Amino acid sequence: MAFASSSISTRPLFRQCQKTIFCFRTFSTSPIQYAKASKKDKEKSPAPVKKPTRKGEAETSKKPRLSPESEMKSVVKRAAAVSDKNENKMTLEDAIRVLRAVEVRSPWSAYELVVRTAVMRGRPSPNGRLTLPKDPRSHRDIIACFVDEGRVQEALDAGADYAGGLDLAAKILNGEILPTKVLATPTILPVVTPKVARYLGPKNLMPSVKKGTVSDDLATIIKGSEGVLDWRGDKSGTIRTAIARLNFEPKEVVENVQAFLQSVHENSRDPDDALYQKKSKKMNSVQIISVRLSSRQGPSIELLHV
């Protein structure tokens, strides 16, 4: 059984042969019947309709993208407008008093400093290292050092907690050792990098020459890494770190905060970045938007005139 038309002739065609506009199916076991479109039907077909544009949207050309400097200035301006509306901002000294009053039963709790920054487009997240005037950490660093087989005892005598080559890398990957500082010599670094780079890199523990954690002088780098604070911003440019303890004197807390903010400011320019060498003279590629101080159970207080 098949459908027929007096004006349009039908004949069975393969699907891939012709473009068709009519399709008739008689039974589930019968072939599909197709019919070609005539010239009159093609002329009567409606023209494609253009999508309506939104109000204020240009039909011919899009708005040009802002330059990295202009985009960053607009971000800083919006953040400043929001910060001006905050009526609960305090000076650093007043914020310390409030948090100490809230945490009176937990004198060993830590002050957490949250620095929100605006990062210029194309610039990596800010990072750096410094030695604070007073170390807020309650536990000493666990130092692991990648060295050649003949220098294992030398690294242990210099103050490293663990030393070795590929055997040390296997212990770190298995979770037997949880180091807080990882050092290496230039000769062993290419050997262990393929093994531990994906594990240590996201934790900001991978040794590198730029950080000063790769050297042949084991005694110097091990001694210099003790008490050093490594900080790094996240993808949005926010930096979080424990800056002091509640049992510190207010003067010591102020000194630590000022030293940390100075480190952020110094690392806002990258002299090795050829793209921003000229622009950094006019504007830093990292701008501090806001600074907040908080504690474990206390509020997060935005600081005024830091």
Protein backbone atom coordinates (compact mmCIF):
# COMPACT_ATOMS: atom_id res chain seq x y z
CA MET A 1 0.00 0.00 0.00
CA ALA A 2 1.34 3.41 -0.93
CA PHE A 3 0.09 6.99 -1.09
CA ALA A 4 -0.02 8.72 -4.48
CA SER A 5 -0.63 12.28 -5.60
CA SER A 6 -1.92 13.56 -8.93
CA SER A 7 0.27 16.69 -8.94
CA ILE A 8 3.49 15.28 -7.44
CA SER A 9 4.92 11.98 -8.58
CA THR A 10 6.34 9.74 -5.88
CA ARG A 11 9.00 7.13 -6.10
CA PRO A 12 11.14 5.35 -3.47
CA LEU A 13 14.57 6.92 -2.97
CA PHE A 14 17.50 6.26 -0.70
CA ARG A 15 17.85 8.70 2.20
CA GLN A 16 21.25 9.97 1.17
CA CYS A 17 20.38 10.72 -2.47
CA GLN A 18 18.00 13.68 -2.55
CA LYS A 19 16.76 16.54 -0.41
CA THR A 20 13.05 16.09 0.13
CA ILE A 21 10.19 17.86 1.78
CA PHE A 22 7.48 15.16 1.94
CA CYS A 23 7.66 11.86 3.72
CA PHE A 24 4.91 9.21 3.76
CA ARG A 25 5.07 5.92 5.66
CA THR A 26 2.46 3.28 4.80
CA PHE A 27 3.31 0.41 7.13
CA SER A 28 6.25 -0.36 9.39
CA THR A 29 7.58 -2.90 6.85
CA SER A 30 7.13 -0.76 3.73
CA PRO A 31 9.80 1.60 2.32
CA ILE A 32 9.63 5.33 2.86
CA GLN A 33 8.13 7.32 -0.05
CA TYR A 34 9.75 10.65 -0.89
CA ALA A 35 8.77 13.42 -3.27
CA LYS A 36 10.94 16.13 -4.78
CA ALA A 37 10.13 19.77 -4.18
CA SER A 38 9.00 21.61 -7.28
CA LYS A 39 10.25 25.07 -8.31
CA LYS A 40 6.97 26.69 -7.23
CA ASP A 41 7.29 25.21 -3.74
CA LYS A 42 10.86 26.48 -3.46
CA GLU A 43 9.79 29.99 -4.45
CA LYS A 44 7.01 29.97 -1.85
CA SER A 45 9.37 28.91 0.99
CA PRO A 46 9.86 31.76 3.49
CA ALA A 47 13.19 33.56 3.72
CA PRO A 48 15.33 32.95 6.83
CA VAL A 49 14.45 35.31 9.68
CA LYS A 50 17.27 37.27 11.35
CA LYS A 51 17.53 37.02 15.11
CA PRO A 52 16.44 40.25 16.80
CA THR A 53 19.22 42.14 18.53
CA ARG A 54 19.02 43.30 22.13
CA LYS A 55 18.55 46.92 23.06
CA GLY A 56 21.79 48.84 22.83
CA GLU A 57 23.55 46.00 21.03
CA ALA A 58 25.34 46.89 17.82
CA GLU A 59 24.16 44.89 14.82
CA THR A 60 27.26 45.29 12.69
CA SER A 61 30.20 45.24 15.13
CA LYS A 62 30.83 44.18 18.72
CA LYS A 63 32.28 46.39 21.43
CA PRO A 64 36.07 46.31 21.47
CA ARG A 65 37.65 44.43 24.37
CA LEU A 66 39.21 46.60 27.05
CA SER A 67 42.96 46.61 27.50
CA PRO A 68 44.36 44.78 30.56
CA GLU A 69 45.10 48.07 32.31
CA SER A 70 41.61 49.54 31.66
CA GLU A 71 39.93 46.31 32.75
CA MET A 72 41.93 46.22 35.96
CA LYS A 73 41.19 49.88 36.73
CA SER A 74 37.45 49.24 36.40
CA VAL A 75 37.70 46.24 38.77
CA VAL A 76 39.59 48.30 41.36
CA LYS A 77 37.11 51.16 41.02
CA ARG A 78 34.10 48.89 41.59
CA ALA A 79 35.76 47.25 44.59
CA ALA A 80 36.58 50.66 46.09
CA ALA A 81 32.94 51.73 45.72
CA VAL A 82 31.77 48.60 47.57
CA SER A 83 34.39 49.05 50.28
CA ASP A 84 33.37 52.67 50.89
CA LYS A 85 29.85 51.51 51.76
CA ASN A 86 31.13 49.21 54.51
CA GLU A 87 30.57 51.01 57.81
CA ASN A 88 32.10 48.23 59.94
CA LYS A 89 35.71 48.79 58.87
CA MET A 90 38.23 49.10 61.70
CA THR A 91 41.84 49.97 62.15
CA LEU A 92 44.23 47.09 62.65
CA GLU A 93 44.67 47.82 66.36
CA ASP A 94 40.89 47.87 66.98
CA ALA A 95 40.39 44.64 65.04
CA ILE A 96 43.05 42.93 67.17
CA ARG A 97 41.26 43.99 70.37
CA VAL A 98 37.88 42.73 69.13
CA LEU A 99 39.20 39.33 68.07
CA ARG A 100 41.15 38.87 71.30
CA ALA A 101 37.96 39.57 73.27
CA VAL A 102 36.02 37.00 71.24
CA GLU A 103 38.72 34.32 71.49
CA VAL A 104 39.53 34.85 75.18
CA ARG A 105 39.28 31.10 75.86
CA SER A 106 41.52 30.12 72.92
CA PRO A 107 44.79 32.03 73.28
CA TRP A 108 46.57 29.70 70.83
CA SER A 109 44.14 30.37 67.99
CA ALA A 110 45.56 32.04 64.91
CA TYR A 111 44.80 35.34 63.25
CA GLU A 112 43.97 34.72 59.60
CA LEU A 113 44.78 37.43 57.11
CA VAL A 114 42.81 37.48 53.85
CA VAL A 115 44.20 39.77 51.13
CA ARG A 116 41.96 40.21 48.09
CA THR A 117 43.82 41.37 44.99
CA ALA A 118 42.97 42.30 41.42
CA VAL A 119 45.28 40.56 38.95
CA MET A 120 45.88 41.99 35.48
CA ARG A 121 44.69 39.78 32.64
CA GLY A 122 47.41 37.38 31.51
CA ARG A 123 49.35 37.64 34.78
CA PRO A 124 49.67 34.53 37.01
CA SER A 125 48.34 34.48 40.55
CA PRO A 126 50.58 36.37 42.99
CA ASN A 127 53.02 34.32 45.06
CA GLY A 128 56.11 34.89 47.15
CA ARG A 129 57.99 34.00 50.29
CA LEU A 130 59.18 35.88 53.35
CA THR A 131 60.36 35.49 56.91
CA LEU A 132 57.94 37.10 59.36
CA PRO A 133 59.33 39.08 62.35
CA LYS A 134 57.71 36.48 64.66
CA ASP A 135 56.88 33.01 63.37
CA PRO A 136 53.19 32.19 64.06
CA ARG A 137 53.53 28.46 63.38
CA SER A 138 53.22 26.18 66.37
CA HIS A 139 55.09 23.28 64.73
CA ARG A 140 58.50 23.31 63.10
CA ASP A 141 58.91 22.61 59.39
CA ILE A 142 59.44 19.06 58.13
CA ILE A 143 62.21 19.38 55.54
CA ALA A 144 62.70 16.78 52.80
CA CYS A 145 65.73 17.07 50.56
CA PHE A 146 66.27 15.33 47.21
CA VAL A 147 69.99 14.58 46.85
CA ASP A 148 72.30 12.10 45.15
CA GLU A 149 73.15 8.85 46.93
CA GLY A 150 76.50 10.08 48.17
CA ARG A 151 75.12 13.23 49.84
CA VAL A 152 72.32 11.77 51.96
CA GLN A 153 74.26 11.95 55.21
CA GLU A 154 75.44 15.49 54.40
CA ALA A 155 71.83 16.68 54.07
CA LEU A 156 70.79 14.99 57.33
CA ASP A 157 73.70 16.58 59.18
CA ALA A 158 72.77 20.01 57.78
CA GLY A 159 69.31 19.78 59.38
CA ALA A 160 67.05 17.97 56.89
CA ASP A 161 64.53 15.55 58.36
CA TYR A 162 64.53 13.26 55.31
CA ALA A 163 66.95 12.89 52.42
CA GLY A 164 67.17 10.63 49.39
CA GLY A 165 66.39 10.29 45.71
CA LEU A 166 63.69 8.20 44.03
CA ASP A 167 63.13 6.25 47.26
CA LEU A 168 62.22 9.50 49.03
CA ALA A 169 59.88 10.42 46.16
CA ALA A 170 58.05 7.10 46.56
CA LYS A 171 57.56 7.68 50.31
CA ILE A 172 56.14 11.18 49.67
CA LEU A 173 53.72 9.89 47.03
CA ASN A 174 52.57 7.04 49.31
CA GLY A 175 51.85 9.47 52.15
CA GLU A 176 54.47 8.04 54.51
CA ILE A 177 56.15 11.45 54.69
CA LEU A 178 54.26 14.77 54.78
CA PRO A 179 56.91 17.46 54.31
CA THR A 180 56.26 21.18 54.64
CA LYS A 181 59.49 22.15 52.82
CA VAL A 182 61.04 20.31 49.87
CA LEU A 183 64.57 21.08 48.66
CA ALA A 184 66.73 19.58 45.92
CA THR A 185 70.13 19.70 44.26
CA PRO A 186 70.42 20.63 40.56
CA THR A 187 71.65 17.16 39.53
CA ILE A 188 68.78 15.17 41.09
CA LEU A 189 65.97 17.59 40.20
CA PRO A 190 65.49 16.40 36.55
CA VAL A 191 65.29 12.81 37.81
CA VAL A 192 62.56 13.32 40.43
CA THR A 193 60.53 16.02 38.64
CA PRO A 194 58.50 13.60 36.44
CA LYS A 195 57.61 11.60 39.55
CA VAL A 196 56.56 14.28 42.05
CA ALA A 197 55.74 17.41 40.00
CA ARG A 198 51.98 16.71 39.80
CA TYR A 199 51.84 15.96 43.52
CA LEU A 200 54.02 18.73 44.92
CA GLY A 201 53.15 21.44 42.38
CA PRO A 202 49.55 22.15 43.51
CA LYS A 203 50.77 22.24 47.13
CA ASN A 204 53.38 24.89 46.27
CA LEU A 205 56.16 22.56 47.47
CA MET A 206 57.93 21.80 44.19
CA PRO A 207 61.59 22.90 44.37
CA SER A 208 62.61 25.61 41.91
CA VAL A 209 65.58 27.88 41.34
CA LYS A 210 63.36 30.97 41.46
CA LYS A 211 62.19 30.16 44.98
CA GLY A 212 65.73 29.46 46.12
CA THR A 213 65.00 25.82 47.02
CA VAL A 214 67.46 24.33 44.49
CA SER A 215 71.18 24.63 45.21
CA ASP A 216 74.37 22.61 45.65
CA ASP A 217 75.03 24.32 48.99
CA LEU A 218 72.80 22.14 51.18
CA ALA A 219 73.70 23.80 54.48
CA THR A 220 72.69 27.26 53.20
CA ILE A 221 69.33 26.33 51.66
CA ILE A 222 68.32 24.14 54.62
CA LYS A 223 69.13 26.86 57.13
CA GLY A 224 67.47 29.52 54.98
CA SER A 225 64.24 27.53 54.61
CA GLU A 226 63.58 27.29 58.34
CA GLY A 227 60.85 29.72 59.38
CA VAL A 228 60.17 30.92 55.82
CA LEU A 229 56.52 31.48 54.90
CA ASP A 230 55.52 30.63 51.30
CA TRP A 231 52.28 32.28 50.23
CA ARG A 232 50.28 31.98 47.03
CA GLY A 233 47.00 33.40 45.74
CA ASP A 234 44.19 31.31 44.30
CA LYS A 235 42.70 31.67 40.83
CA SER A 236 40.71 34.75 41.86
CA GLY A 237 43.79 36.42 43.39
CA THR A 238 42.78 35.92 47.06
CA ILE A 239 45.62 35.21 49.50
CA ARG A 240 44.97 33.50 52.85
CA THR A 241 47.53 32.86 55.57
CA ALA A 242 47.89 32.51 59.33
CA ILE A 243 49.65 35.72 60.27
CA ALA A 244 49.95 35.57 64.08
CA ARG A 245 48.68 33.98 67.30
CA LEU A 246 46.18 35.53 69.69
CA ASN A 247 48.70 35.44 72.53
CA PHE A 248 51.08 37.68 70.55
CA GLU A 249 51.44 41.28 71.61
CA PRO A 250 49.46 43.73 69.43
CA LYS A 251 52.72 45.31 68.28
CA GLU A 252 54.00 41.92 67.04
CA VAL A 253 50.78 41.30 65.11
CA VAL A 254 51.03 44.72 63.45
CA GLU A 255 54.64 44.06 62.43
CA ASN A 256 53.72 40.70 60.88
CA VAL A 257 50.79 42.18 58.93
CA GLN A 258 52.89 45.06 57.61
CA ALA A 259 55.71 42.71 56.58
CA PHE A 260 53.30 40.42 54.75
CA LEU A 261 51.60 43.27 52.86
CA GLN A 262 55.02 44.64 51.92
CA SER A 263 55.89 41.22 50.46
CA VAL A 264 52.66 41.21 48.43
CA HIS A 265 53.45 44.69 47.12
CA GLU A 266 57.01 43.76 46.17
CA ASN A 267 55.85 40.66 44.30
CA SER A 268 53.20 42.59 42.35
CA ARG A 269 55.80 43.33 39.66
CA ASP A 270 57.49 40.54 37.75
CA PRO A 271 60.72 41.76 36.12
CA ASP A 272 60.99 38.53 34.09
CA ASP A 273 57.57 39.02 32.49
CA ALA A 274 58.36 40.68 29.15
CA LEU A 275 54.67 41.38 28.45
CA TYR A 276 54.30 43.74 31.42
CA GLN A 277 57.77 45.26 31.70
CA LYS A 278 56.59 48.53 30.16
CA LYS A 279 53.12 48.52 31.68
CA SER A 280 54.38 47.81 35.19
CA LYS A 281 56.06 51.24 35.20
CA LYS A 282 52.63 52.86 34.98
CA MET A 283 50.60 50.35 37.03
CA ASN A 284 51.36 47.25 39.08
CA SER A 285 49.98 44.06 37.60
CA VAL A 286 48.60 43.14 41.07
CA GLN A 287 46.56 45.63 43.10
CA ILE A 288 45.40 45.08 46.69
CA ILE A 289 41.63 45.60 46.87
CA SER A 290 40.84 44.78 50.50
CA VAL A 291 42.45 43.29 53.62
CA ARG A 292 40.51 41.35 56.27
CA LEU A 293 41.55 39.95 59.63
CA SER A 294 39.67 37.10 61.31
CA SER A 295 40.06 34.27 63.79
CA ARG A 296 38.66 30.77 64.23
CA GLN A 297 35.43 31.84 65.98
CA GLY A 298 35.59 35.59 65.47
CA PRO A 299 34.17 37.77 62.70
CA SER A 300 35.97 38.78 59.53
CA ILE A 301 36.85 42.47 59.91
CA GLU A 302 37.84 44.64 56.99
CA LEU A 303 40.84 46.75 57.90
CA LEU A 304 41.01 50.50 57.45
CA HIS A 305 44.17 52.38 56.44
CA VAL A 306 46.47 49.35 56.48
